[in-house]
C-alpha cells in the first residue's frame, strides 16, 4: 500500500501496487477500485469502475 509516481505519468497512483522485474503487475486504486492484474500485454486483466458500471476485460480473447 502506498503512492507511486512513474516517469511517464503526471500524477501519483495511490493504492496497492506490485512489481515484478521492474514492471508493474498489480495495481488496485485506493480511490475508486480501478485495478490492473498482470503485466502489460496479452492476458492482463483490468477492472474498470467508470460510469457507474463495473467492467472486467482483457486484451487476449
Protein backbone atom coordinates (compact mmCIF):
# COMPACT_ATOMS: atom_id res chain seq x y z
CA UNK A 1 0.00 0.00 0.00
CA UNK A 2 1.45 3.34 -0.93
CA UNK A 3 1.82 6.06 -3.53
CA UNK A 4 3.94 5.92 -6.70
CA UNK A 5 4.56 8.39 -9.50
CA UNK A 6 6.09 6.71 -12.51
CA UNK A 7 8.21 8.58 -15.04
CA UNK A 8 5.58 8.62 -17.80
CA UNK A 9 2.70 9.82 -15.56
CA UNK A 10 1.61 13.27 -14.44
CA UNK A 11 0.07 12.21 -11.11
CA UNK A 12 0.64 9.68 -8.33
CA UNK A 13 -1.16 6.36 -8.16
CA UNK A 14 -2.32 5.60 -4.61
CA UNK A 15 -3.32 2.10 -3.56
CA UNK A 16 -1.99 -1.43 -3.58
CA UNK A 17 0.89 -1.80 -6.04
CA UNK A 18 3.10 -4.72 -7.00
CA UNK A 19 6.11 -5.04 -9.31
CA UNK A 20 7.97 -7.93 -10.91
CA UNK A 21 11.36 -7.35 -12.54
CA UNK A 22 10.74 -3.59 -12.56
CA UNK A 23 7.37 -3.79 -14.33
CA UNK A 24 4.07 -3.06 -12.56
CA UNK A 25 1.99 -6.22 -12.41
CA UNK A 26 -0.57 -5.29 -9.75
CA UNK A 27 -2.47 -2.09 -9.07
CA UNK A 28 -5.64 -1.54 -7.06
CA UNK A 29 -6.67 2.11 -6.68
CA UNK A 30 -7.43 3.31 -3.15
CA UNK A 31 -9.88 5.85 -4.57
CA UNK A 32 -12.24 4.07 -6.96
CA UNK A 33 -11.49 0.34 -7.19
CA UNK A 34 -9.79 0.50 -10.60
CA UNK A 35 -7.42 -2.43 -10.87
CA UNK A 36 -4.84 -3.99 -13.15
CA UNK A 37 -3.60 -7.56 -12.74
CA UNK A 38 -0.68 -8.88 -14.77
CA UNK A 39 1.94 -7.22 -16.93
CA UNK A 40 1.02 -5.06 -19.91
CA UNK A 41 0.07 -7.19 -22.90
CA UNK A 42 -1.84 -10.41 -23.56
CA UNK A 43 -3.59 -11.84 -20.52
CA UNK A 44 -3.63 -8.63 -18.49
CA UNK A 45 -6.93 -8.22 -16.58
CA UNK A 46 -8.40 -4.75 -15.96
CA UNK A 47 -11.19 -3.81 -13.54
CA UNK A 48 -12.76 -0.55 -14.66
CA UNK A 49 -15.50 1.01 -12.46
CA UNK A 50 -16.05 4.14 -14.59
CA UNK A 51 -19.53 5.45 -15.45
CA UNK A 52 -21.09 3.55 -12.50
CA UNK A 53 -20.60 0.27 -14.40
CA UNK A 54 -18.08 -2.33 -13.34
CA UNK A 55 -16.29 -3.81 -16.34
CA UNK A 56 -13.77 -6.63 -16.36
CA UNK A 57 -11.82 -7.08 -19.57
CA UNK A 58 -8.64 -8.44 -21.05
CA UNK A 59 -6.85 -7.86 -24.35
CA UNK A 60 -6.41 -11.60 -25.01
CA UNK A 61 -9.69 -13.06 -26.32
